[in-house]
């Protein structure tokens, strides 16, 4: 018998449950020949390009720090349209080619400026501390050549780069637990630091404007505050709404939408602001829990429609570190609120 998870999705689904959920799922895996997760999607040159992490079986036992997520390279996928096949463009970057990185190349993102393409990625240094690096290419699919050093002042995981309408680019980043965000205060690491107490303000993601070269920060990272409906910061104990990891930014009708994962409660949520630095006000859920411990996403417009890119672990039978990327249409209602999606119907 499987163990129930949040929202009724089983944590350890039986084969019969996997079969039933697969039949009910609102979307199918975009990629089936390898395992992929954490999809960051962009439209470049009229096509969709997806930058996921590449899940592999590394033989490391499951733990809350995510040591079993042993990813070591990136593949880029191209779709001519949302209805097209996702074509594997091959290996775009491998950890062995990154001078400063040793292991665990987790969720990446990409951006374009002045005809160059930039792949942003977290990885662990030999000392076990995550930093964020950047690699540069001439084509959306790479290959990408990494900068010799990690981005100065970067830390933690899950870089998401947002290009605003004025041409400025901002990196949003940070993840709790294995992502080490709880170890930082005022951009400084201390091993003794932990998550705040349940009745204290929750830790927020970080944001920093990128420099003109797109390879460094133009400023020190700032912490983003996410407020509740009363204008008070979300508390660390509010696990259904507080930030955990996987930030993403999009702009719709002039409003900034910060979306993110709540981690151990397995929701994708969002908050809005009129400023890319925030503060942001919590608005609701984008996606109910999926099969597999993690949930990590992106949003992207193609033509006049918006799409949500996400992942689950159905294809692997529920193995939490062997996931598959998916996509489905995303709706904003007349008030600009995002309509909550349920990955297996309902």
Protein backbone atom coordinates (compact mmCIF):
# COMPACT_ATOMS: atom_id res chain seq x y z
CA UNK A 1 0.00 0.00 0.00
CA UNK A 2 1.40 3.41 -0.93
CA UNK A 3 1.74 6.28 1.49
CA UNK A 4 -0.58 9.22 0.84
CA UNK A 5 1.07 12.54 0.08
CA UNK A 6 -0.22 16.09 -0.03
CA UNK A 7 -3.33 16.50 -2.17
CA UNK A 8 -3.85 12.75 -2.40
CA UNK A 9 -0.87 11.99 -4.66
CA UNK A 10 0.93 8.86 -3.38
CA UNK A 11 4.52 9.27 -2.26
CA UNK A 12 5.47 5.71 -3.24
CA UNK A 13 2.94 4.72 -5.89
CA UNK A 14 2.28 1.07 -6.64
CA UNK A 15 2.51 -0.09 -10.27
CA UNK A 16 -1.27 0.00 -10.47
CA UNK A 17 -1.34 3.57 -9.15
CA UNK A 18 1.34 4.61 -11.63
CA UNK A 19 -0.73 3.15 -14.46
CA UNK A 20 -3.89 4.91 -13.28
CA UNK A 21 -2.18 8.28 -12.79
CA UNK A 22 -0.51 8.01 -16.19
CA UNK A 23 -3.92 7.51 -17.78
CA UNK A 24 -5.32 10.52 -15.89
CA UNK A 25 -2.37 12.85 -16.45
CA UNK A 26 -3.08 16.12 -18.24
CA UNK A 27 0.15 15.85 -20.25
CA UNK A 28 2.66 13.26 -21.42
CA UNK A 29 6.44 13.35 -21.04
CA UNK A 30 8.14 15.47 -23.68
CA UNK A 31 11.26 13.27 -23.50
CA UNK A 32 11.37 9.52 -22.90
CA UNK A 33 14.87 8.34 -23.94
CA UNK A 34 16.54 10.00 -20.93
CA UNK A 35 15.24 11.38 -17.65
CA UNK A 36 14.90 15.15 -17.47
CA UNK A 37 13.66 17.61 -14.85
CA UNK A 38 13.48 21.29 -13.87
CA UNK A 39 12.61 22.59 -17.36
CA UNK A 40 13.43 26.22 -18.14
CA UNK A 41 11.70 27.18 -21.39
CA UNK A 42 12.31 30.13 -23.71
CA UNK A 43 11.40 31.17 -27.23
CA UNK A 44 14.52 31.87 -29.28
CA UNK A 45 14.44 32.41 -33.05
CA UNK A 46 10.78 31.42 -33.25
CA UNK A 47 11.20 28.03 -31.58
CA UNK A 48 10.86 26.73 -28.04
CA UNK A 49 14.09 25.76 -26.34
CA UNK A 50 13.98 23.81 -23.08
CA UNK A 51 16.90 23.73 -20.67
CA UNK A 52 16.32 20.92 -18.13
CA UNK A 53 18.56 19.09 -15.75
CA UNK A 54 19.50 15.52 -16.77
CA UNK A 55 18.56 12.93 -14.16
CA UNK A 56 20.78 9.86 -13.81
CA UNK A 57 20.98 6.98 -11.37
CA UNK A 58 24.05 7.70 -9.27
CA UNK A 59 23.53 5.02 -6.64
CA UNK A 60 23.39 7.51 -3.76
CA UNK A 61 20.76 6.81 -1.07
CA UNK A 62 17.88 9.25 -0.72
CA UNK A 63 18.30 12.04 1.84
CA UNK A 64 16.84 15.47 2.55
CA UNK A 65 19.93 17.22 1.16
CA UNK A 66 19.30 15.76 -2.30
CA UNK A 67 22.65 13.98 -2.56
CA UNK A 68 20.91 11.35 -4.73
CA UNK A 69 20.39 13.98 -7.44
CA UNK A 70 23.67 13.24 -9.22
CA UNK A 71 23.21 15.16 -12.49
CA UNK A 72 26.43 15.84 -14.39
CA UNK A 73 25.52 17.37 -17.76
CA UNK A 74 22.86 19.27 -19.68
CA UNK A 75 20.93 18.44 -22.85
CA UNK A 76 18.98 21.17 -24.67
CA UNK A 77 15.68 20.35 -26.40
CA UNK A 78 14.09 22.24 -29.29
CA UNK A 79 10.41 22.30 -30.22
CA UNK A 80 9.29 24.04 -33.41
CA UNK A 81 5.94 24.71 -31.72
CA UNK A 82 4.10 23.60 -28.58
CA UNK A 83 2.60 20.71 -30.55
CA UNK A 84 5.90 19.51 -31.98
CA UNK A 85 8.29 16.78 -30.93
CA UNK A 86 11.03 17.76 -28.48
CA UNK A 87 14.29 17.20 -30.35
CA UNK A 88 17.40 16.39 -28.32
CA UNK A 89 20.16 18.76 -29.44
CA UNK A 90 22.77 16.75 -27.53
CA UNK A 91 25.06 17.52 -24.62
CA UNK A 92 25.45 21.27 -24.21
CA UNK A 93 27.75 21.26 -21.17
CA UNK A 94 29.34 18.64 -18.90
CA UNK A 95 30.62 19.13 -15.37
CA UNK A 96 34.09 17.85 -16.36
CA UNK A 97 34.44 20.92 -18.60
CA UNK A 98 33.71 23.39 -15.77
CA UNK A 99 36.99 24.21 -13.99
CA UNK A 100 35.49 25.24 -10.66
CA UNK A 101 32.74 22.59 -10.38
CA UNK A 102 32.96 19.04 -9.06
CA UNK A 103 29.45 17.54 -9.06
CA UNK A 104 25.67 17.94 -8.99
CA UNK A 105 24.80 20.21 -11.90
CA UNK A 106 21.25 20.98 -10.85
CA UNK A 107 18.48 23.06 -12.44
CA UNK A 108 19.76 25.49 -15.12
CA UNK A 109 18.38 28.44 -17.10
CA UNK A 110 19.34 30.34 -20.24
CA UNK A 111 19.18 33.84 -21.68
CA UNK A 112 20.07 35.68 -24.88
CA UNK A 113 21.63 39.07 -25.43
CA UNK A 114 23.33 40.64 -28.45
CA UNK A 115 23.38 37.41 -30.40
CA UNK A 116 25.01 35.37 -27.63
CA UNK A 117 23.38 32.69 -25.50
CA UNK A 118 24.09 32.20 -21.82
CA UNK A 119 23.58 29.01 -19.82
CA UNK A 120 23.38 29.54 -16.05
CA UNK A 121 23.80 26.56 -13.76
CA UNK A 122 24.47 25.62 -10.13
CA UNK A 123 27.09 23.07 -9.14
CA UNK A 124 29.04 22.08 -6.08
CA UNK A 125 32.63 23.15 -5.68
CA UNK A 126 35.12 20.57 -4.34
CA UNK A 127 34.38 21.87 -0.83
CA UNK A 128 30.71 20.89 -1.18
CA UNK A 129 29.36 24.46 -1.41
CA UNK A 130 27.00 25.34 -4.26
CA UNK A 131 27.72 28.28 -6.53
CA UNK A 132 26.25 29.43 -9.82
CA UNK A 133 28.23 29.52 -13.04
CA UNK A 134 27.66 30.69 -16.59
CA UNK A 135 28.67 29.33 -19.97
CA UNK A 136 28.46 31.16 -23.29
CA UNK A 137 27.46 29.89 -26.73
CA UNK A 138 26.69 31.12 -30.23
CA UNK A 139 23.50 29.06 -30.64
CA UNK A 140 20.54 28.40 -28.35
CA UNK A 141 21.41 24.71 -28.15
CA UNK A 142 25.09 25.28 -27.46
CA UNK A 143 27.66 23.96 -27.09
CA UNK A 144 28.48 26.33 -24.25
CA UNK A 145 31.92 27.31 -23.02
CA UNK A 146 32.01 27.87 -19.26
CA UNK A 147 33.59 30.86 -17.64
CA UNK A 148 36.63 29.73 -15.63
CA UNK A 149 35.18 30.87 -12.30
CA UNK A 150 31.73 30.83 -10.74
CA UNK A 151 29.82 34.12 -10.69
CA UNK A 152 31.33 36.23 -7.92
CA UNK A 153 28.82 36.73 -5.12
CA UNK A 154 26.60 33.84 -6.25
CA UNK A 155 25.49 31.01 -3.99
CA UNK A 156 22.85 28.32 -3.55
CA UNK A 157 20.91 26.88 -6.52
CA UNK A 158 18.16 27.32 -9.11
CA UNK A 159 19.20 30.35 -11.19
CA UNK A 160 16.35 31.84 -13.24
CA UNK A 161 17.21 34.80 -15.47
CA UNK A 162 14.45 37.23 -16.40
CA UNK A 163 14.84 39.74 -19.21
CA UNK A 164 12.69 42.79 -18.54
CA UNK A 165 11.15 45.01 -21.19
CA UNK A 166 13.79 47.70 -20.62
CA UNK A 167 16.61 45.30 -21.53
CA UNK A 168 17.80 44.67 -17.98
CA UNK A 169 18.33 41.09 -16.86
CA UNK A 170 17.83 39.80 -13.32
CA UNK A 171 18.85 36.50 -11.79
CA UNK A 172 16.54 34.96 -9.20
CA UNK A 173 17.99 32.08 -7.21
CA UNK A 174 18.08 30.09 -4.00
CA UNK A 175 16.87 26.83 -2.49
CA UNK A 176 16.52 25.53 1.05
CA UNK A 177 17.86 22.32 2.60
CA UNK A 178 20.26 20.77 0.06
CA UNK A 179 20.34 24.08 -1.78
CA UNK A 180 22.01 25.63 1.29
CA UNK A 181 20.05 28.91 1.23
CA UNK A 182 19.36 28.61 4.98
CA UNK A 183 23.12 28.90 5.61
CA UNK A 184 23.23 32.50 4.31
CA UNK A 185 22.43 35.81 5.97
CA UNK A 186 23.28 39.07 4.20
CA UNK A 187 25.00 37.06 1.45
CA UNK A 188 27.41 35.48 3.93
CA UNK A 189 27.68 31.73 4.61
CA UNK A 190 27.84 30.33 8.13
CA UNK A 191 27.50 26.63 8.83
CA UNK A 192 25.64 27.36 12.08
CA UNK A 193 22.81 29.18 10.28
CA UNK A 194 19.52 27.27 9.88
CA UNK A 195 15.97 28.03 8.78
CA UNK A 196 14.20 30.64 10.91
CA UNK A 197 11.82 29.51 13.63
CA UNK A 198 8.26 28.77 12.51
CA UNK A 199 6.94 32.11 13.87
CA UNK A 200 9.67 34.16 12.16
CA UNK A 201 9.62 35.54 8.59
CA UNK A 202 10.46 32.90 6.00
CA UNK A 203 13.62 33.12 3.96
CA UNK A 204 13.03 34.50 0.50
CA UNK A 205 14.72 33.92 -2.84
CA UNK A 206 17.54 36.21 -3.89
CA UNK A 207 17.69 38.57 -6.85
CA UNK A 208 20.59 40.41 -8.47
CA UNK A 209 20.75 42.44 -11.65
CA UNK A 210 23.24 41.04 -14.15
CA UNK A 211 26.03 43.14 -15.57
CA UNK A 212 26.16 44.23 -19.21
CA UNK A 213 28.29 41.21 -20.14
CA UNK A 214 25.68 38.81 -18.64
CA UNK A 215 28.47 36.94 -16.83
CA UNK A 216 28.42 38.63 -13.43
CA UNK A 217 26.30 40.51 -10.94
CA UNK A 218 26.00 44.27 -11.26
CA UNK A 219 25.04 44.50 -7.58
CA UNK A 220 24.94 42.50 -4.39
CA UNK A 221 22.06 40.02 -4.23
CA UNK A 222 18.95 41.15 -2.35
CA UNK A 223 16.44 39.01 -0.48
CA UNK A 224 12.88 39.11 -1.81
CA UNK A 225 10.04 39.43 0.69
CA UNK A 226 6.79 37.58 0.00
CA UNK A 227 3.79 39.04 1.85
CA UNK A 228 0.48 37.50 2.88
CA UNK A 229 -2.94 38.98 2.20
CA UNK A 230 -2.51 41.31 5.19
CA UNK A 231 0.80 42.72 4.00
CA UNK A 232 2.84 40.72 6.52
CA UNK A 233 5.80 38.56 5.52
CA UNK A 234 5.00 34.87 5.11
CA UNK A 235 6.27 32.92 8.10
CA UNK A 236 8.77 30.08 8.00
CA UNK A 237 6.15 27.74 9.44
CA UNK A 238 3.68 28.48 6.63
CA UNK A 239 4.86 25.53 4.55
CA UNK A 240 1.90 25.67 2.17
CA UNK A 241 2.88 29.15 0.98
CA UNK A 242 6.44 30.00 1.93
CA UNK A 243 9.31 29.93 -0.56
CA UNK A 244 11.45 26.80 -0.74
CA UNK A 245 13.19 26.68 -4.16
CA UNK A 246 12.74 26.93 -7.92
CA UNK A 247 12.06 30.64 -8.54
CA UNK A 248 10.75 31.82 -11.89
CA UNK A 249 9.70 35.23 -13.13
CA UNK A 250 7.34 36.26 -15.89
CA UNK A 251 5.53 39.47 -16.70
CA UNK A 252 1.89 39.59 -17.72
CA UNK A 253 -0.05 42.79 -18.44
CA UNK A 254 2.63 44.85 -16.69
CA UNK A 255 2.63 42.78 -13.49
CA UNK A 256 5.61 40.73 -12.28
CA UNK A 257 4.78 37.13 -11.36
CA UNK A 258 7.22 35.35 -9.06
CA UNK A 259 6.46 31.64 -9.01
CA UNK A 260 8.19 29.01 -6.91
CA UNK A 261 8.06 25.62 -5.21
CA UNK A 262 7.03 25.16 -1.59
CA UNK A 263 9.29 22.10 -1.37
CA UNK A 264 8.12 19.72 1.33
CA UNK A 265 4.43 20.50 0.68
CA UNK A 266 4.92 20.06 -3.08
CA UNK A 267 2.96 23.03 -4.44
CA UNK A 268 3.86 25.48 -7.17
CA UNK A 269 2.72 28.90 -5.98
CA UNK A 270 2.96 32.49 -7.17
CA UNK A 271 3.07 36.04 -5.89
CA UNK A 272 2.82 39.36 -7.73
CA UNK A 273 4.40 42.80 -7.62
CA UNK A 274 4.83 45.97 -9.64
CA UNK A 275 8.60 45.82 -9.14
CA UNK A 276 11.07 43.05 -10.09
CA UNK A 277 12.65 43.37 -6.63
CA UNK A 278 9.31 43.09 -4.86
CA UNK A 279 7.93 42.92 -2.30
CA UNK A 280 5.59 40.33 -3.75
CA UNK A 281 2.13 39.45 -2.47
CA UNK A 282 1.09 35.80 -2.36
CA UNK A 283 -1.76 35.00 -4.77
CA UNK A 284 -2.29 31.25 -4.93
CA UNK A 285 -1.27 27.93 -6.42
CA UNK A 286 -0.27 27.20 -9.98
CA UNK A 287 0.06 23.42 -9.75
CA UNK A 288 -1.00 20.75 -7.28
CA UNK A 289 1.56 18.11 -6.25
CA UNK A 290 3.06 15.72 -8.78
CA UNK A 291 4.39 12.18 -8.33
CA UNK A 292 7.97 12.54 -7.11
CA UNK A 293 9.28 14.58 -4.20
CA UNK A 294 10.31 17.67 -6.16
CA UNK A 295 8.34 20.15 -8.19
CA UNK A 296 10.14 22.70 -10.38
CA UNK A 297 8.84 24.64 -13.34
CA UNK A 298 8.96 27.51 -15.79
CA UNK A 299 6.39 29.53 -17.73
CA UNK A 300 6.70 30.66 -21.32
CA UNK A 301 4.51 32.41 -23.89
CA UNK A 302 4.36 31.12 -27.45
CA UNK A 303 2.15 33.13 -29.75
CA UNK A 304 -0.88 34.28 -27.77
CA UNK A 305 -0.82 31.38 -25.29
CA UNK A 306 1.09 30.73 -22.10
CA UNK A 307 2.48 27.35 -21.10
CA UNK A 308 3.64 25.74 -17.88
CA UNK A 309 6.67 23.46 -18.07
CA UNK A 310 7.08 21.07 -15.13
CA UNK A 311 8.06 17.48 -14.35
CA UNK A 312 6.95 14.34 -12.57
CA UNK A 313 8.31 10.85 -11.89
CA UNK A 314 5.60 8.70 -13.45
CA UNK A 315 7.75 7.43 -16.33
CA UNK A 316 10.26 5.95 -13.86
CA UNK A 317 7.50 4.39 -11.78
CA UNK A 318 7.74 7.06 -9.09
CA UNK A 319 11.51 7.18 -8.55
CA UNK A 320 11.89 10.68 -7.17
CA UNK A 321 15.29 11.42 -8.77
CA UNK A 322 14.34 10.06 -12.22
CA UNK A 323 11.88 12.58 -13.60
CA UNK A 324 10.40 13.59 -16.95
CA UNK A 325 9.60 17.07 -18.25
CA UNK A 326 6.06 17.95 -19.31
CA UNK A 327 4.12 20.98 -20.51
CA UNK A 328 0.52 22.16 -20.46
CA UNK A 329 -1.33 25.37 -21.26
CA UNK A 330 -1.42 28.00 -18.51
CA UNK A 331 -4.39 30.33 -18.12
CA UNK A 332 -4.58 33.82 -16.61
CA UNK A 333 -8.16 34.85 -15.86
CA UNK A 334 -9.62 38.30 -16.49
CA UNK A 335 -8.20 39.58 -13.19
CA UNK A 336 -4.75 38.24 -14.08
CA UNK A 337 -4.97 35.38 -11.59
CA UNK A 338 -3.44 32.08 -12.66
CA UNK A 339 -5.92 29.21 -12.85
CA UNK A 340 -4.71 26.32 -10.67
CA UNK A 341 -3.77 23.17 -12.58
CA UNK A 342 -4.13 19.61 -11.30
CA UNK A 343 -1.60 17.33 -12.99
CA UNK A 344 -3.82 14.23 -12.85
CA UNK A 345 -7.18 15.87 -13.41
CA UNK A 346 -9.81 16.86 -10.89
